[in-house]
């Protein structure tokens, strides 16, 4: 069975690319596990995240984007100034690529840093 080297998803025979990452599939789970996936970008801006994923797609660089919540402090602004709201979370966006594509991807990511 083929596997995605980025998201490690398993596919039926006959598929060539991952529908999530656009990566070329490899022949086994051990081949997929051998591929190193590295973090290219992390940030709080959904707009930058979406623009970076689109730019990588346009450059035919497979990638995995995800969002998660980072536990952290958040501030609320009111007329008297800011006030710390404990227990609030902020959304963190991440984009990962294959290590073999990192240099090319980094050139595309520079404007988003």
PDB file of N, CA and C in Angstrom:
ATOM      1  N   UNK A   1       0.833  -1.178   0.000  1.00  0.00           N
ATOM      2  CA  UNK A   1       0.000   0.000   0.000  1.00  0.00           C
ATOM      3  C   UNK A   1       0.883   1.249   0.000  1.00  0.00           C
ATOM      4  N   UNK A   2       0.502   2.261  -0.770  1.00  0.00           N
ATOM      5  CA  UNK A   2       1.271   3.510  -0.762  1.00  0.00           C
ATOM      6  C   UNK A   2       0.937   4.379   0.454  1.00  0.00           C
ATOM      7  N   UNK A   3       1.913   5.187   0.842  1.00  0.00           N
ATOM      8  CA  UNK A   3       1.781   6.075   2.003  1.00  0.00           C
ATOM      9  C   UNK A   3       2.282   7.467   1.653  1.00  0.00           C
ATOM     10  N   UNK A   4       1.730   8.465   2.344  1.00  0.00           N
ATOM     11  CA  UNK A   4       2.203   9.831   2.191  1.00  0.00           C
ATOM     12  C   UNK A   4       3.425  10.043   3.088  1.00  0.00           C
ATOM     13  N   UNK A   5       4.513  10.577   2.543  1.00  0.00           N
ATOM     14  CA  UNK A   5       5.705  10.795   3.362  1.00  0.00           C
ATOM     15  C   UNK A   5       5.584  11.987   4.311  1.00  0.00           C
ATOM     16  N   UNK A   6       4.577  12.838   4.110  1.00  0.00           N
ATOM     17  CA  UNK A   6       4.410  13.994   4.998  1.00  0.00           C
ATOM     18  C   UNK A   6       3.407  13.692   6.109  1.00  0.00           C
ATOM     19  N   UNK A   7       2.174  13.366   5.731  1.00  0.00           N
ATOM     20  CA  UNK A   7       1.146  13.151   6.763  1.00  0.00           C
ATOM     21  C   UNK A   7       1.000  11.693   7.165  1.00  0.00           C
ATOM     22  N   UNK A   8       1.710  10.805   6.481  1.00  0.00           N
ATOM     23  CA  UNK A   8       1.768   9.373   6.793  1.00  0.00           C
ATOM     24  C   UNK A   8       0.443   8.649   6.553  1.00  0.00           C
ATOM     25  N   UNK A   9      -0.460   9.229   5.781  1.00  0.00           N
ATOM     26  CA  UNK A   9      -1.743   8.593   5.474  1.00  0.00           C
ATOM     27  C   UNK A   9      -1.524   7.412   4.529  1.00  0.00           C
ATOM     28  N   UNK A  10      -2.334   6.379   4.711  1.00  0.00           N
ATOM     29  CA  UNK A  10      -2.268   5.193   3.852  1.00  0.00           C
ATOM     30  C   UNK A  10      -3.296   5.320   2.737  1.00  0.00           C
ATOM     31  N   UNK A  11      -2.912   4.899   1.533  1.00  0.00           N
ATOM     32  CA  UNK A  11      -3.786   4.980   0.354  1.00  0.00           C
ATOM     33  C   UNK A  11      -3.963   3.613  -0.270  1.00  0.00           C
ATOM     34  N   UNK A  12      -5.048   3.472  -1.006  1.00  0.00           N
ATOM     35  CA  UNK A  12      -5.252   2.261  -1.798  1.00  0.00           C
ATOM     36  C   UNK A  12      -4.311   2.296  -2.997  1.00  0.00           C
ATOM     37  N   UNK A  13      -4.008   1.134  -3.512  1.00  0.00           N
ATOM     38  CA  UNK A  13      -3.193   1.024  -4.713  1.00  0.00           C
ATOM     39  C   UNK A  13      -3.866   1.789  -5.846  1.00  0.00           C
ATOM     40  N   UNK A  14      -3.064   2.496  -6.616  1.00  0.00           N
ATOM     41  CA  UNK A  14      -3.580   3.268  -7.738  1.00  0.00           C
ATOM     42  C   UNK A  14      -3.481   4.770  -7.530  1.00  0.00           C
ATOM     43  N   UNK A  15      -3.332   5.207  -6.280  1.00  0.00           N
ATOM     44  CA  UNK A  15      -3.161   6.626  -6.004  1.00  0.00           C
ATOM     45  C   UNK A  15      -1.690   6.987  -6.130  1.00  0.00           C
ATOM     46  N   UNK A  16      -1.418   8.182  -6.635  1.00  0.00           N
ATOM     47  CA  UNK A  16      -0.029   8.623  -6.822  1.00  0.00           C
ATOM     48  C   UNK A  16       0.346   9.775  -5.899  1.00  0.00           C
ATOM     49  N   UNK A  17      -0.631  10.613  -5.526  1.00  0.00           N
ATOM     50  CA  UNK A  17      -0.370  11.800  -4.691  1.00  0.00           C
ATOM     51  C   UNK A  17      -1.324  11.820  -3.505  1.00  0.00           C
ATOM     52  N   UNK A  18      -0.854  12.427  -2.425  1.00  0.00           N
ATOM     53  CA  UNK A  18      -1.688  12.608  -1.236  1.00  0.00           C
ATOM     54  C   UNK A  18      -2.697  13.722  -1.503  1.00  0.00           C
ATOM     55  N   UNK A  19      -3.932  13.484  -1.170  1.00  0.00           N
ATOM     56  CA  UNK A  19      -4.960  14.506  -1.392  1.00  0.00           C
ATOM     57  C   UNK A  19      -4.881  15.621  -0.349  1.00  0.00           C
ATOM     58  N   UNK A  20      -4.140  15.429   0.727  1.00  0.00           N
ATOM     59  CA  UNK A  20      -3.997  16.453   1.769  1.00  0.00           C
ATOM     60  C   UNK A  20      -2.762  17.316   1.553  1.00  0.00           C
ATOM     61  N   UNK A  21      -1.637  16.675   1.216  1.00  0.00           N
ATOM     62  CA  UNK A  21      -0.340  17.350   1.144  1.00  0.00           C
ATOM     63  C   UNK A  21       0.160  17.584  -0.280  1.00  0.00           C
ATOM     64  N   UNK A  22      -0.395  16.867  -1.222  1.00  0.00           N
ATOM     65  CA  UNK A  22       0.054  16.871  -2.620  1.00  0.00           C
ATOM     66  C   UNK A  22       1.413  16.206  -2.805  1.00  0.00           C
ATOM     67  N   UNK A  23       1.877  15.473  -1.803  1.00  0.00           N
ATOM     68  CA  UNK A  23       3.161  14.782  -1.904  1.00  0.00           C
ATOM     69  C   UNK A  23       3.018  13.525  -2.747  1.00  0.00           C
ATOM     70  N   UNK A  24       4.087  13.170  -3.450  1.00  0.00           N
ATOM     71  CA  UNK A  24       4.128  11.894  -4.148  1.00  0.00           C
ATOM     72  C   UNK A  24       4.169  10.780  -3.106  1.00  0.00           C
ATOM     73  N   UNK A  25       3.333   9.779  -3.294  1.00  0.00           N
ATOM     74  CA  UNK A  25       3.269   8.679  -2.334  1.00  0.00           C
ATOM     75  C   UNK A  25       4.468   7.762  -2.491  1.00  0.00           C
ATOM     76  N   UNK A  26       4.858   7.118  -1.392  1.00  0.00           N
ATOM     77  CA  UNK A  26       5.935   6.130  -1.394  1.00  0.00           C
ATOM     78  C   UNK A  26       5.324   4.752  -1.193  1.00  0.00           C
ATOM     79  N   UNK A  27       6.111   3.701  -1.434  1.00  0.00           N
ATOM     80  CA  UNK A  27       5.585   2.354  -1.493  1.00  0.00           C
ATOM     81  C   UNK A  27       5.241   1.671  -0.188  1.00  0.00           C
ATOM     82  N   UNK A  28       5.763   2.170   0.938  1.00  0.00           N
ATOM     83  CA  UNK A  28       5.495   1.482   2.210  1.00  0.00           C
ATOM     84  C   UNK A  28       5.512   2.460   3.377  1.00  0.00           C
ATOM     85  N   UNK A  29       4.976   1.989   4.495  1.00  0.00           N
ATOM     86  CA  UNK A  29       4.977   2.847   5.689  1.00  0.00           C
ATOM     87  C   UNK A  29       6.403   3.087   6.183  1.00  0.00           C
ATOM     88  N   UNK A  30       7.290   2.114   6.016  1.00  0.00           N
ATOM     89  CA  UNK A  30       8.675   2.319   6.458  1.00  0.00           C
ATOM     90  C   UNK A  30       9.380   3.371   5.603  1.00  0.00           C
ATOM     91  N   UNK A  31       9.065   3.416   4.306  1.00  0.00           N
ATOM     92  CA  UNK A  31       9.623   4.472   3.451  1.00  0.00           C
ATOM     93  C   UNK A  31       9.081   5.839   3.878  1.00  0.00           C
ATOM     94  N   UNK A  32       7.789   5.900   4.183  1.00  0.00           N
ATOM     95  CA  UNK A  32       7.178   7.162   4.624  1.00  0.00           C
ATOM     96  C   UNK A  32       7.793   7.615   5.945  1.00  0.00           C
ATOM     97  N   UNK A  33       7.992   6.675   6.874  1.00  0.00           N
ATOM     98  CA  UNK A  33       8.575   7.016   8.170  1.00  0.00           C
ATOM     99  C   UNK A  33      10.019   7.482   8.047  1.00  0.00           C
ATOM    100  N   UNK A  34      10.726   7.022   7.010  1.00  0.00           N
ATOM    101  CA  UNK A  34      12.125   7.407   6.811  1.00  0.00           C
ATOM    102  C   UNK A  34      12.262   8.840   6.301  1.00  0.00           C
ATOM    103  N   UNK A  35      11.208   9.380   5.708  1.00  0.00           N
ATOM    104  CA  UNK A  35      11.251  10.761   5.199  1.00  0.00           C
ATOM    105  C   UNK A  35      11.124  11.737   6.369  1.00  0.00           C
ATOM    106  N   UNK A  36      12.040  12.688   6.439  1.00  0.00           N
ATOM    107  CA  UNK A  36      11.989  13.695   7.515  1.00  0.00           C
ATOM    108  C   UNK A  36      11.081  14.840   7.113  1.00  0.00           C
ATOM    109  N   UNK A  37      10.202  15.196   8.014  1.00  0.00           N
ATOM    110  CA  UNK A  37       9.296  16.331   7.829  1.00  0.00           C
ATOM    111  C   UNK A  37       9.740  17.410   8.815  1.00  0.00           C
ATOM    112  N   UNK A  38       9.929  18.643   8.315  1.00  0.00           N
ATOM    113  CA  UNK A  38      10.427  19.724   9.157  1.00  0.00           C
ATOM    114  C   UNK A  38       9.448  20.902   9.160  1.00  0.00           C
ATOM    115  N   UNK A  39       9.439  21.615  10.260  1.00  0.00           N
ATOM    116  CA  UNK A  39       8.596  22.799  10.394  1.00  0.00           C
ATOM    117  C   UNK A  39       9.202  23.934   9.583  1.00  0.00           C
ATOM    118  N   UNK A  40       8.430  24.491   8.691  1.00  0.00           N
ATOM    119  CA  UNK A  40       8.877  25.609   7.855  1.00  0.00           C
ATOM    120  C   UNK A  40       8.495  26.938   8.474  1.00  0.00           C
ATOM    121  N   UNK A  41       7.258  27.037   8.974  1.00  0.00           N
ATOM    122  CA  UNK A  41       6.728  28.308   9.457  1.00  0.00           C
ATOM    123  C   UNK A  41       5.715  28.045  10.556  1.00  0.00           C
ATOM    124  N   UNK A  42       5.691  28.928  11.544  1.00  0.00           N
ATOM    125  CA  UNK A  42       4.660  28.905  12.584  1.00  0.00           C
ATOM    126  C   UNK A  42       4.324  30.338  12.924  1.00  0.00           C
ATOM    127  N   UNK A  43       3.055  30.619  13.060  1.00  0.00           N
ATOM    128  CA  UNK A  43       2.645  31.975  13.385  1.00  0.00           C
ATOM    129  C   UNK A  43       1.210  32.047  13.839  1.00  0.00           C
ATOM    130  N   UNK A  44       0.785  33.254  14.153  1.00  0.00           N
ATOM    131  CA  UNK A  44      -0.568  33.478  14.661  1.00  0.00           C
ATOM    132  C   UNK A  44      -1.508  34.051  13.607  1.00  0.00           C
ATOM    133  N   UNK A  45      -0.980  34.383  12.437  1.00  0.00           N
ATOM    134  CA  UNK A  45      -1.781  35.017  11.401  1.00  0.00           C
ATOM    135  C   UNK A  45      -2.353  33.976  10.435  1.00  0.00           C
ATOM    136  N   UNK A  46      -3.666  33.872  10.436  1.00  0.00           N
ATOM    137  CA  UNK A  46      -4.309  32.949   9.500  1.00  0.00           C
ATOM    138  C   UNK A  46      -4.101  33.414   8.061  1.00  0.00           C
ATOM    139  N   UNK A  47      -4.087  34.718   7.842  1.00  0.00           N
ATOM    140  CA  UNK A  47      -3.895  35.258   6.500  1.00  0.00           C
ATOM    141  C   UNK A  47      -2.519  34.877   5.952  1.00  0.00           C
ATOM    142  N   UNK A  48      -1.472  35.011   6.773  1.00  0.00           N
ATOM    143  CA  UNK A  48      -0.129  34.622   6.342  1.00  0.00           C
ATOM    144  C   UNK A  48      -0.061  33.118   6.092  1.00  0.00           C
ATOM    145  N   UNK A  49      -0.688  32.353   6.968  1.00  0.00           N
ATOM    146  CA  UNK A  49      -0.734  30.902   6.811  1.00  0.00           C
ATOM    147  C   UNK A  49      -1.349  30.525   5.466  1.00  0.00           C
ATOM    148  N   UNK A  50      -2.511  31.075   5.173  1.00  0.00           N
ATOM    149  CA  UNK A  50      -3.202  30.753   3.925  1.00  0.00           C
ATOM    150  C   UNK A  50      -2.405  31.205   2.702  1.00  0.00           C
ATOM    151  N   UNK A  51      -1.780  32.366   2.794  1.00  0.00           N
ATOM    152  CA  UNK A  51      -0.981  32.871   1.679  1.00  0.00           C
ATOM    153  C   UNK A  51       0.253  32.000   1.451  1.00  0.00           C
ATOM    154  N   UNK A  52       0.893  31.556   2.527  1.00  0.00           N
ATOM    155  CA  UNK A  52       2.076  30.707   2.402  1.00  0.00           C
ATOM    156  C   UNK A  52       1.707  29.349   1.803  1.00  0.00           C
ATOM    157  N   UNK A  53       0.629  28.748   2.282  1.00  0.00           N
ATOM    158  CA  UNK A  53       0.197  27.452   1.738  1.00  0.00           C
ATOM    159  C   UNK A  53      -0.119  27.595   0.247  1.00  0.00           C
ATOM    160  N   UNK A  54      -0.777  28.676  -0.137  1.00  0.00           N
ATOM    161  CA  UNK A  54      -1.092  28.911  -1.557  1.00  0.00           C
ATOM    162  C   UNK A  54       0.186  29.097  -2.378  1.00  0.00           C
ATOM    163  N   UNK A  55       1.157  29.836  -1.838  1.00  0.00           N
ATOM    164  CA  UNK A  55       2.423  30.058  -2.556  1.00  0.00           C
ATOM    165  C   UNK A  55       3.196  28.754  -2.719  1.00  0.00           C
ATOM    166  N   UNK A  56       3.202  27.905  -1.699  1.00  0.00           N
ATOM    167  CA  UNK A  56       3.865  26.606  -1.809  1.00  0.00           C
ATOM    168  C   UNK A  56       3.155  25.724  -2.823  1.00  0.00           C
ATOM    169  N   UNK A  57       1.842  25.767  -2.826  1.00  0.00           N
ATOM    170  CA  UNK A  57       1.061  24.999  -3.801  1.00  0.00           C
ATOM    171  C   UNK A  57       1.396  25.460  -5.223  1.00  0.00           C
ATOM    172  N   UNK A  58       1.450  26.770  -5.430  1.00  0.00           N
ATOM    173  CA  UNK A  58       1.783  27.317  -6.753  1.00  0.00           C
ATOM    174  C   UNK A  58       3.182  26.902  -7.205  1.00  0.00           C
ATOM    175  N   UNK A  59       4.090  26.704  -6.250  1.00  0.00           N
ATOM    176  CA  UNK A  59       5.463  26.303  -6.566  1.00  0.00           C
ATOM    177  C   UNK A  59       5.620  24.776  -6.598  1.00  0.00           C
ATOM    178  N   UNK A  60       4.511  24.054  -6.464  1.00  0.00           N
ATOM    179  CA  UNK A  60       4.521  22.581  -6.466  1.00  0.00           C
ATOM    180  C   UNK A  60       5.390  21.995  -5.359  1.00  0.00           C
ATOM    181  N   UNK A  61       5.325  22.606  -4.175  1.00  0.00           N
ATOM    182  CA  UNK A  61       6.049  22.088  -3.020  1.00  0.00           C
ATOM    183  C   UNK A  61       5.024  21.476  -2.066  1.00  0.00           C
ATOM    184  N   UNK A  62       5.046  20.153  -1.909  1.00  0.00           N
ATOM    185  CA  UNK A  62       4.107  19.513  -0.989  1.00  0.00           C
ATOM    186  C   UNK A  62       4.294  20.047   0.425  1.00  0.00           C
ATOM    187  N   UNK A  63       3.192  20.211   1.142  1.00  0.00           N
ATOM    188  CA  UNK A  63       3.275  20.737   2.495  1.00  0.00           C
ATOM    189  C   UNK A  63       2.081  20.290   3.308  1.00  0.00           C
ATOM    190  N   UNK A  64       2.231  20.387   4.602  1.00  0.00           N
ATOM    191  CA  UNK A  64       1.139  20.072   5.523  1.00  0.00           C
ATOM    192  C   UNK A  64       0.910  21.286   6.409  1.00  0.00           C
ATOM    193  N   UNK A  65      -0.267  21.821   6.327  1.00  0.00           N
ATOM    194  CA  UNK A  65      -0.632  22.942   7.179  1.00  0.00           C
ATOM    195  C   UNK A  65      -1.589  22.463   8.251  1.00  0.00           C
ATOM    196  N   UNK A  66      -1.423  23.006   9.437  1.00  0.00           N
ATOM    197  CA  UNK A  66      -2.344  22.643  10.508  1.00  0.00           C
ATOM    198  C   UNK A  66      -2.469  23.799  11.484  1.00  0.00           C
ATOM    199  N   UNK A  67      -3.534  23.742  12.235  1.00  0.00           N
ATOM    200  CA  UNK A  67      -3.700  24.742  13.276  1.00  0.00           C
ATOM    201  C   UNK A  67      -3.926  24.020  14.582  1.00  0.00           C
ATOM    202  N   UNK A  68      -3.478  24.651  15.620  1.00  0.00           N
ATOM    203  CA  UNK A  68      -3.657  24.116  16.964  1.00  0.00           C
ATOM    204  C   UNK A  68      -3.723  25.272  17.925  1.00  0.00           C
ATOM    205  N   UNK A  69      -4.137  25.014  19.118  1.00  0.00           N
ATOM    206  CA  UNK A  69      -4.239  26.084  20.105  1.00  0.00           C
ATOM    207  C   UNK A  69      -3.043  26.015  21.037  1.00  0.00           C
ATOM    208  N   UNK A  70      -2.388  27.110  21.214  1.00  0.00           N
ATOM    209  CA  UNK A  70      -1.303  27.213  22.190  1.00  0.00           C
ATOM    210  C   UNK A  70      -1.891  27.756  23.477  1.00  0.00           C
ATOM    211  N   UNK A  71      -1.628  27.093  24.564  1.00  0.00           N
ATOM    212  CA  UNK A  71      -2.059  27.642  25.840  1.00  0.00           C
ATOM    213  C   UNK A  71      -1.217  28.881  26.103  1.00  0.00           C
ATOM    214  N   UNK A  72      -1.833  29.924  26.490  1.00  0.00           N
ATOM    215  CA  UNK A  72      -1.076  31.142  26.737  1.00  0.00           C
ATOM    216  C   UNK A  72      -1.986  32.245  27.214  1.00  0.00           C
ATOM    217  N   UNK A  73      -1.389  33.318  27.545  1.00  0.00           N
ATOM    218  CA  UNK A  73      -2.156  34.451  28.027  1.00  0.00           C
ATOM    219  C   UNK A  73      -2.718  35.245  26.857  1.00  0.00           C
ATOM    220  N   UNK A  74      -3.869  35.783  27.049  1.00  0.00           N
ATOM    221  CA  UNK A  74      -4.481  36.645  26.043  1.00  0.00           C
ATOM    222  C   UNK A  74      -4.813  37.971  26.709  1.00  0.00           C
ATOM    223  N   UNK A  75      -4.826  39.007  25.935  1.00  0.00           N
ATOM    224  CA  UNK A  75      -5.153  40.322  26.467  1.00  0.00           C
ATOM    225  C   UNK A  75      -6.457  40.797  25.873  1.00  0.00           C
ATOM    226  N   UNK A  76      -7.245  41.472  26.692  1.00  0.00           N
ATOM    227  CA  UNK A  76      -8.470  42.084  26.212  1.00  0.00           C
ATOM    228  C   UNK A  76      -8.295  43.587  26.381  1.00  0.00           C
ATOM    229  N   UNK A  77      -8.605  44.333  25.349  1.00  0.00           N
ATOM    230  CA  UNK A  77      -8.462  45.775  25.422  1.00  0.00           C
ATOM    231  C   UNK A  77      -9.823  46.398  25.711  1.00  0.00           C
ATOM    232  N   UNK A  78      -9.835  47.314  26.670  1.00  0.00           N
ATOM    233  CA  UNK A  78     -11.054  48.059  26.961  1.00  0.00           C
ATOM    234  C   UNK A  78     -10.680  49.523  27.131  1.00  0.00           C
ATOM    235  N   UNK A  79     -11.616  50.332  27.534  1.00  0.00           N
ATOM    236  CA  UNK A  79     -11.355  51.774  27.650  1.00  0.00           C
ATOM    237  C   UNK A  79     -10.309  52.104  28.707  1.00  0.00           C
ATOM    238  N   UNK A  80     -10.143  51.253  29.699  1.00  0.00           N
ATOM    239  CA  UNK A  80      -9.183  51.526  30.772  1.00  0.00           C
ATOM    240  C   UNK A  80      -7.808  50.918  30.510  1.00  0.00           C
ATOM    241  N   UNK A  81      -7.624  50.306  29.365  1.00  0.00           N
ATOM    242  CA  UNK A  81      -6.337  49.670  29.068  1.00  0.00           C
ATOM    243  C   UNK A  81      -6.514  48.179  28.885  1.00  0.00           C
ATOM    244  N   UNK A  82      -5.411  47.479  28.887  1.00  0.00           N
ATOM    245  CA  UNK A  82      -5.523  46.043  28.656  1.00  0.00           C
ATOM    246  C   UNK A  82      -5.622  45.281  29.970  1.00  0.00           C
ATOM    247  N   UNK A  83      -6.240  44.138  29.886  1.00  0.00           N
ATOM    248  CA  UNK A  83      -6.413  43.298  31.058  1.00  0.00           C
ATOM    249  C   UNK A  83      -6.080  41.860  30.666  1.00  0.00           C
ATOM    250  N   UNK A  84      -5.291  41.191  31.468  1.00  0.00           N
ATOM    251  CA  UNK A  84      -4.889  39.823  31.192  1.00  0.00           C
ATOM    252  C   UNK A  84      -6.052  38.881  31.461  1.00  0.00           C
ATOM    253  N   UNK A  85      -6.347  38.041  30.496  1.00  0.00           N
ATOM    254  CA  UNK A  85      -7.375  37.022  30.658  1.00  0.00           C
ATOM    255  C   UNK A  85      -6.676  35.669  30.766  1.00  0.00           C
ATOM    256  N   UNK A  86      -6.640  35.095  31.930  1.00  0.00           N
ATOM    257  CA  UNK A  86      -5.945  33.824  32.119  1.00  0.00           C
ATOM    258  C   UNK A  86      -6.788  32.681  31.570  1.00  0.00           C
ATOM    259  N   UNK A  87      -6.089  31.672  31.085  1.00  0.00           N
ATOM    260  CA  UNK A  87      -6.763  30.492  30.583  1.00  0.00           C
ATOM    261  C   UNK A  87      -7.248  30.625  29.142  1.00  0.00           C
ATOM    262  N   UNK A  88      -7.064  31.771  28.547  1.00  0.00           N
ATOM    263  CA  UNK A  88      -7.467  31.948  27.154  1.00  0.00           C
ATOM    264  C   UNK A  88      -6.401  31.315  26.256  1.00  0.00           C
ATOM    265  N   UNK A  89      -6.792  30.982  25.055  1.00  0.00           N
ATOM    266  CA  UNK A  89      -5.869  30.366  24.121  1.00  0.00           C
ATOM    267  C   UNK A  89      -5.791  31.202  22.855  1.00  0.00           C
ATOM    268  N   UNK A  90      -4.648  31.131  22.206  1.00  0.00           N
ATOM    269  CA  UNK A  90      -4.478  31.782  20.914  1.00  0.00           C
ATOM    270  C   UNK A  90      -4.206  30.690  19.884  1.00  0.00           C
ATOM    271  N   UNK A  91      -4.619  30.914  18.689  1.00  0.00           N
ATOM    272  CA  UNK A  91      -4.472  29.904  17.652  1.00  0.00           C
ATOM    273  C   UNK A  91      -3.114  30.023  16.989  1.00  0.00           C
ATOM    274  N   UNK A  92      -2.427  28.920  16.892  1.00  0.00           N
ATOM    275  CA  UNK A  92      -1.127  28.855  16.246  1.00  0.00           C
ATOM    276  C   UNK A  92      -1.274  28.075  14.944  1.00  0.00           C
ATOM    277  N   UNK A  93      -0.688  28.596  13.870  1.00  0.00           N
ATOM    278  CA  UNK A  93      -0.731  27.956  12.561  1.00  0.00           C
ATOM    279  C   UNK A  93       0.654  27.448  12.227  1.00  0.00           C
ATOM    280  N   UNK A  94       0.742  26.259  11.620  1.00  0.00           N
ATOM    281  CA  UNK A  94       2.024  25.666  11.280  1.00  0.00           C
ATOM    282  C   UNK A  94       2.001  25.120   9.858  1.00  0.00           C
ATOM    283  N   UNK A  95       3.150  25.216   9.193  1.00  0.00           N
ATOM    284  CA  UNK A  95       3.331  24.638   7.860  1.00  0.00           C
ATOM    285  C   UNK A  95       4.626  23.822   7.891  1.00  0.00           C
ATOM    286  N   UNK A  96       4.513  22.543   7.504  1.00  0.00           N
ATOM    287  CA  UNK A  96       5.664  21.645   7.462  1.00  0.00           C
ATOM    288  C   UNK A  96       5.887  21.149   6.040  1.00  0.00           C
ATOM    289  N   UNK A  97       7.131  20.847   5.731  1.00  0.00           N
ATOM    290  CA  UNK A  97       7.514  20.344   4.404  1.00  0.00           C
ATOM    291  C   UNK A  97       8.507  19.195   4.583  1.00  0.00           C
ATOM    292  N   UNK A  98       8.752  18.463   3.500  1.00  0.00           N
ATOM    293  CA  UNK A  98       9.794  17.455   3.518  1.00  0.00           C
ATOM    294  C   UNK A  98      11.148  18.144   3.638  1.00  0.00           C
ATOM    295  N   UNK A  99      12.052  17.531   4.363  1.00  0.00           N
ATOM    296  CA  UNK A  99      13.379  18.112   4.529  1.00  0.00           C
ATOM    297  C   UNK A  99      14.053  18.356   3.173  1.00  0.00           C
ATOM    298  N   UNK A 100      13.808  17.485   2.218  1.00  0.00           N
ATOM    299  CA  UNK A 100      14.404  17.640   0.888  1.00  0.00           C
ATOM    300  C   UNK A 100      13.910  18.896   0.171  1.00  0.00           C
ATOM    301  N   UNK A 101      12.731  19.394   0.528  1.00  0.00           N
ATOM    302  CA  UNK A 101      12.160  20.590  -0.095  1.00  0.00           C
ATOM    303  C   UNK A 101      12.371  21.852   0.733  1.00  0.00           C
ATOM    304  N   UNK A 102      13.024  21.726   1.885  1.00  0.00           N
ATOM    305  CA  UNK A 102      13.103  22.842   2.833  1.00  0.00           C
ATOM    306  C   UNK A 102      13.750  24.094   2.246  1.00  0.00           C
ATOM    307  N   UNK A 103      14.872  23.963   1.560  1.00  0.00           N
ATOM    308  CA  UNK A 103      15.567  25.151   1.025  1.00  0.00           C
ATOM    309  C   UNK A 103      14.701  25.899   0.025  1.00  0.00           C
ATOM    310  N   UNK A 104      14.081  25.163  -0.885  1.00  0.00           N
ATOM    311  CA  UNK A 104      13.185  25.809  -1.864  1.00  0.00           C
ATOM    312  C   UNK A 104      11.997  26.459  -1.154  1.00  0.00           C
ATOM    313  N   UNK A 105      11.447  25.751  -0.191  1.00  0.00           N
ATOM    314  CA  UNK A 105      10.285  26.266   0.541  1.00  0.00           C
ATOM    315  C   UNK A 105      10.651  27.501   1.366  1.00  0.00           C
ATOM    316  N   UNK A 106      11.851  27.505   1.928  1.00  0.00           N
ATOM    317  CA  UNK A 106      12.291  28.643   2.744  1.00  0.00           C
ATOM    318  C   UNK A 106      12.374  29.915   1.895  1.00  0.00           C
ATOM    319  N   UNK A 107      12.806  29.796   0.661  1.00  0.00           N
ATOM    320  CA  UNK A 107      12.850  30.956  -0.223  1.00  0.00           C
ATOM    321  C   UNK A 107      11.448  31.530  -0.447  1.00  0.00           C
ATOM    322  N   UNK A 108      10.472  30.662  -0.556  1.00  0.00           N
ATOM    323  CA  UNK A 108       9.095  31.107  -0.738  1.00  0.00           C
ATOM    324  C   UNK A 108       8.531  31.688   0.561  1.00  0.00           C
ATOM    325  N   UNK A 109       8.954  31.152   1.685  1.00  0.00           N
ATOM    326  CA  UNK A 109       8.417  31.578   2.985  1.00  0.00           C
ATOM    327  C   UNK A 109       8.987  32.900   3.491  1.00  0.00           C
ATOM    328  N   UNK A 110      10.111  33.350   2.946  1.00  0.00           N
ATOM    329  CA  UNK A 110      10.767  34.569   3.462  1.00  0.00           C
ATOM    330  C   UNK A 110       9.824  35.759   3.633  1.00  0.00           C
ATOM    331  N   UNK A 111       8.964  36.072   2.654  1.00  0.00           N
ATOM    332  CA  UNK A 111       8.071  37.227   2.835  1.00  0.00           C
ATOM    333  C   UNK A 111       7.056  37.058   3.985  1.00  0.00           C
ATOM    334  N   UNK A 112       6.863  35.842   4.449  1.00  0.00           N
ATOM    335  CA  UNK A 112       5.870  35.579   5.491  1.00  0.00           C
ATOM    336  C   UNK A 112       6.477  35.533   6.885  1.00  0.00           C
ATOM    337  N   UNK A 113       7.805  35.698   6.966  1.00  0.00           N
ATOM    338  CA  UNK A 113       8.470  35.628   8.273  1.00  0.00           C
ATOM    339  C   UNK A 113       8.362  36.924   9.022  1.00  0.00           C
TER     340      UNK A 113
END
